[in-house]
Amino acid sequence: MVATTTIRLPPKLRSRVQTLARQSGRSAHSLIVEAVERHAAYEEQMRRLVKDAMAADEEIERTGEVYRAEDVHAWMTRLANGVAAPRPKAWQR
């Protein structure tokens, strides 16, 4: 079952959406639904990234282990180029 939600668009934005709908051969509704889906996915991803970053920060506080950025970048570059490489060594703060 699909629920109905009413939104009030400022006149200029409504005009832009209607113009895009005409030009693309799509309905204004489909453009709006797609925009909401994309923004919801973006917000969910940002919340996951913040949660992961906070968990990583807690792990650093717990263990004191950190990695030099240069070491990590060099390791990732080797892996991206198909070269097997051991993980960089962590060091204590």
N, C-alpha and C. Protein backbone atom coordinates (compact mmCIF):
# COMPACT_ATOMS: atom_id res chain seq x y z
N MET A 1 0.85 -1.18 0.00
CA MET A 1 0.00 0.00 0.00
C MET A 1 0.89 1.24 0.00
N VAL A 2 0.60 2.17 -0.85
CA VAL A 2 1.36 3.40 -0.95
C VAL A 2 0.60 4.50 -0.22
N ALA A 3 1.31 5.22 0.64
CA ALA A 3 0.70 6.33 1.38
C ALA A 3 0.84 7.61 0.57
N THR A 4 -0.09 8.51 0.77
CA THR A 4 -0.06 9.79 0.09
C THR A 4 0.50 10.83 1.04
N THR A 5 1.43 11.64 0.54
CA THR A 5 1.99 12.75 1.30
C THR A 5 1.88 14.00 0.44
N THR A 6 1.46 15.07 1.05
CA THR A 6 1.35 16.33 0.33
C THR A 6 2.53 17.20 0.68
N ILE A 7 3.15 17.78 -0.35
CA ILE A 7 4.23 18.73 -0.10
C ILE A 7 3.88 20.03 -0.80
N ARG A 8 4.34 21.11 -0.23
CA ARG A 8 4.13 22.43 -0.84
C ARG A 8 5.48 22.89 -1.36
N LEU A 9 5.55 23.05 -2.66
CA LEU A 9 6.78 23.49 -3.29
C LEU A 9 6.70 24.99 -3.57
N PRO A 10 7.79 25.70 -3.33
CA PRO A 10 7.82 27.10 -3.73
C PRO A 10 7.57 27.18 -5.24
N PRO A 11 6.93 28.23 -5.70
CA PRO A 11 6.58 28.34 -7.12
C PRO A 11 7.74 28.11 -8.09
N LYS A 12 8.92 28.66 -7.79
CA LYS A 12 10.05 28.50 -8.69
C LYS A 12 10.50 27.05 -8.76
N LEU A 13 10.53 26.36 -7.62
CA LEU A 13 10.92 24.95 -7.62
C LEU A 13 9.88 24.11 -8.34
N ARG A 14 8.62 24.40 -8.11
CA ARG A 14 7.54 23.66 -8.79
C ARG A 14 7.67 23.82 -10.30
N SER A 15 7.96 25.04 -10.75
CA SER A 15 8.14 25.30 -12.18
C SER A 15 9.33 24.52 -12.72
N ARG A 16 10.42 24.48 -11.99
CA ARG A 16 11.60 23.73 -12.43
C ARG A 16 11.28 22.24 -12.57
N VAL A 17 10.57 21.69 -11.56
CA VAL A 17 10.21 20.27 -11.61
C VAL A 17 9.30 20.00 -12.80
N GLN A 18 8.33 20.85 -13.02
CA GLN A 18 7.42 20.66 -14.16
C GLN A 18 8.18 20.74 -15.49
N THR A 19 9.10 21.67 -15.61
CA THR A 19 9.91 21.80 -16.83
C THR A 19 10.73 20.54 -17.04
N LEU A 20 11.39 20.06 -15.99
CA LEU A 20 12.19 18.83 -16.10
C LEU A 20 11.31 17.64 -16.47
N ALA A 21 10.14 17.58 -15.90
CA ALA A 21 9.22 16.47 -16.21
C ALA A 21 8.86 16.49 -17.70
N ARG A 22 8.50 17.65 -18.20
CA ARG A 22 8.17 17.75 -19.63
C ARG A 22 9.36 17.37 -20.50
N GLN A 23 10.53 17.91 -20.17
CA GLN A 23 11.72 17.66 -20.98
C GLN A 23 12.15 16.19 -20.96
N SER A 24 11.94 15.53 -19.83
CA SER A 24 12.39 14.14 -19.70
C SER A 24 11.31 13.13 -20.06
N GLY A 25 10.08 13.61 -20.25
CA GLY A 25 8.99 12.69 -20.55
C GLY A 25 8.54 11.89 -19.34
N ARG A 26 8.88 12.37 -18.19
CA ARG A 26 8.49 11.72 -16.94
C ARG A 26 7.45 12.57 -16.23
N SER A 27 6.86 12.01 -15.21
CA SER A 27 5.92 12.81 -14.42
C SER A 27 6.68 13.56 -13.33
N ALA A 28 6.09 14.67 -12.90
CA ALA A 28 6.67 15.42 -11.78
C ALA A 28 6.72 14.51 -10.55
N HIS A 29 5.71 13.68 -10.39
CA HIS A 29 5.66 12.75 -9.26
C HIS A 29 6.88 11.84 -9.26
N SER A 30 7.22 11.26 -10.41
CA SER A 30 8.35 10.34 -10.44
C SER A 30 9.66 11.05 -10.14
N LEU A 31 9.80 12.30 -10.60
CA LEU A 31 11.01 13.07 -10.29
C LEU A 31 11.11 13.34 -8.79
N ILE A 32 10.00 13.70 -8.18
CA ILE A 32 9.99 14.00 -6.75
C ILE A 32 10.28 12.74 -5.94
N VAL A 33 9.65 11.61 -6.30
CA VAL A 33 9.91 10.35 -5.59
C VAL A 33 11.38 9.97 -5.69
N GLU A 34 11.95 10.10 -6.90
CA GLU A 34 13.37 9.77 -7.08
C GLU A 34 14.25 10.68 -6.23
N ALA A 35 13.93 11.96 -6.17
CA ALA A 35 14.72 12.90 -5.38
C ALA A 35 14.66 12.55 -3.90
N VAL A 36 13.48 12.20 -3.41
CA VAL A 36 13.33 11.83 -2.00
C VAL A 36 14.09 10.54 -1.71
N GLU A 37 13.99 9.56 -2.62
CA GLU A 37 14.72 8.29 -2.44
C GLU A 37 16.23 8.53 -2.37
N ARG A 38 16.73 9.35 -3.29
CA ARG A 38 18.18 9.63 -3.32
C ARG A 38 18.62 10.34 -2.04
N HIS A 39 17.83 11.31 -1.60
CA HIS A 39 18.23 12.05 -0.41
C HIS A 39 18.13 11.17 0.83
N ALA A 40 17.13 10.32 0.90
CA ALA A 40 17.01 9.40 2.04
C ALA A 40 18.22 8.46 2.08
N ALA A 41 18.62 7.94 0.92
CA ALA A 41 19.80 7.06 0.85
C ALA A 41 21.05 7.81 1.29
N TYR A 42 21.19 9.05 0.86
CA TYR A 42 22.34 9.88 1.25
C TYR A 42 22.37 10.08 2.76
N GLU A 43 21.23 10.44 3.34
CA GLU A 43 21.17 10.66 4.79
C GLU A 43 21.48 9.37 5.56
N GLU A 44 20.96 8.25 5.08
CA GLU A 44 21.26 6.96 5.73
C GLU A 44 22.74 6.65 5.66
N GLN A 45 23.35 6.89 4.51
CA GLN A 45 24.78 6.64 4.35
C GLN A 45 25.59 7.54 5.29
N MET A 46 25.22 8.80 5.37
CA MET A 46 25.94 9.72 6.25
C MET A 46 25.84 9.28 7.71
N ARG A 47 24.68 8.82 8.11
CA ARG A 47 24.51 8.35 9.49
C ARG A 47 25.36 7.11 9.76
N ARG A 48 25.44 6.20 8.76
CA ARG A 48 26.30 5.02 8.91
C ARG A 48 27.77 5.42 9.00
N LEU A 49 28.19 6.39 8.17
CA LEU A 49 29.58 6.84 8.20
C LEU A 49 29.92 7.47 9.54
N VAL A 50 29.03 8.28 10.08
CA VAL A 50 29.27 8.89 11.39
C VAL A 50 29.34 7.82 12.46
N LYS A 51 28.43 6.86 12.41
CA LYS A 51 28.43 5.77 13.39
C LYS A 51 29.74 4.98 13.31
N ASP A 52 30.18 4.66 12.09
CA ASP A 52 31.43 3.92 11.90
C ASP A 52 32.63 4.73 12.39
N ALA A 53 32.63 6.03 12.10
CA ALA A 53 33.73 6.89 12.54
C ALA A 53 33.79 6.97 14.06
N MET A 54 32.64 7.06 14.69
CA MET A 54 32.62 7.11 16.15
C MET A 54 33.10 5.79 16.75
N ALA A 55 32.71 4.67 16.13
CA ALA A 55 33.18 3.37 16.60
C ALA A 55 34.69 3.25 16.42
N ALA A 56 35.22 3.74 15.30
CA ALA A 56 36.67 3.71 15.07
C ALA A 56 37.39 4.57 16.10
N ASP A 57 36.83 5.73 16.41
CA ASP A 57 37.43 6.60 17.42
C ASP A 57 37.45 5.92 18.78
N GLU A 58 36.36 5.24 19.12
CA GLU A 58 36.31 4.51 20.39
C GLU A 58 37.36 3.40 20.42
N GLU A 59 37.56 2.73 19.28
CA GLU A 59 38.56 1.67 19.18
C GLU A 59 39.97 2.24 19.38
N ILE A 60 40.22 3.40 18.82
CA ILE A 60 41.52 4.04 19.00
C ILE A 60 41.73 4.39 20.47
N GLU A 61 40.70 4.94 21.09
CA GLU A 61 40.80 5.28 22.52
C GLU A 61 41.04 4.03 23.36
N ARG A 62 40.40 2.93 22.98
CA ARG A 62 40.53 1.69 23.75
C ARG A 62 41.91 1.07 23.59
N THR A 63 42.41 1.01 22.34
CA THR A 63 43.66 0.29 22.08
C THR A 63 44.87 1.20 21.98
N GLY A 64 44.65 2.46 21.61
CA GLY A 64 45.76 3.37 21.41
C GLY A 64 46.48 3.14 20.09
N GLU A 65 45.99 2.20 19.26
CA GLU A 65 46.65 1.90 18.00
C GLU A 65 46.17 2.84 16.89
N VAL A 66 47.12 3.40 16.18
CA VAL A 66 46.83 4.25 15.04
C VAL A 66 47.79 3.89 13.90
N TYR A 67 47.47 4.36 12.71
CA TYR A 67 48.30 4.09 11.53
C TYR A 67 48.69 5.41 10.89
N ARG A 68 49.89 5.48 10.38
CA ARG A 68 50.32 6.67 9.66
C ARG A 68 49.59 6.70 8.32
N ALA A 69 49.08 7.86 7.94
CA ALA A 69 48.33 7.98 6.69
C ALA A 69 49.19 7.57 5.49
N GLU A 70 50.45 7.95 5.51
CA GLU A 70 51.33 7.60 4.38
C GLU A 70 51.44 6.09 4.22
N ASP A 71 51.52 5.38 5.34
CA ASP A 71 51.63 3.92 5.29
C ASP A 71 50.36 3.29 4.72
N VAL A 72 49.21 3.80 5.16
CA VAL A 72 47.93 3.28 4.69
C VAL A 72 47.75 3.58 3.20
N HIS A 73 48.08 4.79 2.78
CA HIS A 73 47.94 5.16 1.37
C HIS A 73 48.84 4.30 0.49
N ALA A 74 50.06 4.08 0.93
CA ALA A 74 50.99 3.25 0.15
C ALA A 74 50.46 1.82 0.06
N TRP A 75 49.93 1.30 1.16
CA TRP A 75 49.39 -0.07 1.18
C TRP A 75 48.19 -0.18 0.24
N MET A 76 47.28 0.79 0.32
CA MET A 76 46.09 0.77 -0.54
C MET A 76 46.48 0.89 -2.02
N THR A 77 47.49 1.69 -2.33
CA THR A 77 47.95 1.83 -3.71
C THR A 77 48.50 0.52 -4.22
N ARG A 78 49.29 -0.16 -3.39
CA ARG A 78 49.83 -1.47 -3.81
C ARG A 78 48.69 -2.46 -4.05
N LEU A 79 47.72 -2.49 -3.16
CA LEU A 79 46.59 -3.41 -3.33
C LEU A 79 45.80 -3.07 -4.60
N ALA A 80 45.58 -1.78 -4.85
CA ALA A 80 44.83 -1.37 -6.04
C ALA A 80 45.57 -1.76 -7.32
N ASN A 81 46.89 -1.83 -7.25
CA ASN A 81 47.70 -2.22 -8.41
C ASN A 81 47.91 -3.72 -8.49
N GLY A 82 47.22 -4.47 -7.63
CA GLY A 82 47.29 -5.92 -7.68
C GLY A 82 48.53 -6.51 -7.04
N VAL A 83 49.23 -5.74 -6.24
CA VAL A 83 50.43 -6.22 -5.56
C VAL A 83 50.06 -6.64 -4.14
N ALA A 84 50.33 -7.91 -3.83
CA ALA A 84 50.05 -8.39 -2.47
C ALA A 84 50.96 -7.65 -1.50
N ALA A 85 50.41 -7.17 -0.42
CA ALA A 85 51.20 -6.41 0.53
C ALA A 85 50.66 -6.64 1.93
N PRO A 86 51.55 -6.78 2.90
CA PRO A 86 51.09 -6.93 4.28
C PRO A 86 50.50 -5.60 4.77
N ARG A 87 49.59 -5.71 5.71
CA ARG A 87 49.01 -4.50 6.29
C ARG A 87 50.08 -3.68 6.97
N PRO A 88 49.90 -2.37 6.99
CA PRO A 88 50.89 -1.55 7.71
C PRO A 88 50.87 -1.89 9.19
N LYS A 89 51.97 -1.62 9.83
CA LYS A 89 52.07 -1.87 11.28
C LYS A 89 51.48 -0.69 12.05
N ALA A 90 50.70 -1.02 13.05
CA ALA A 90 50.11 0.03 13.89
C ALA A 90 51.17 0.51 14.88
N TRP A 91 51.02 1.71 15.35
CA TRP A 91 51.88 2.20 16.40
C TRP A 91 51.02 2.80 17.49
N GLN A 92 51.55 2.84 18.68
CA GLN A 92 50.80 3.33 19.83
C GLN A 92 50.94 4.85 19.93
N ARG A 93 49.87 5.50 20.30
CA ARG A 93 49.93 6.94 20.50
C ARG A 93 50.67 7.25 21.75
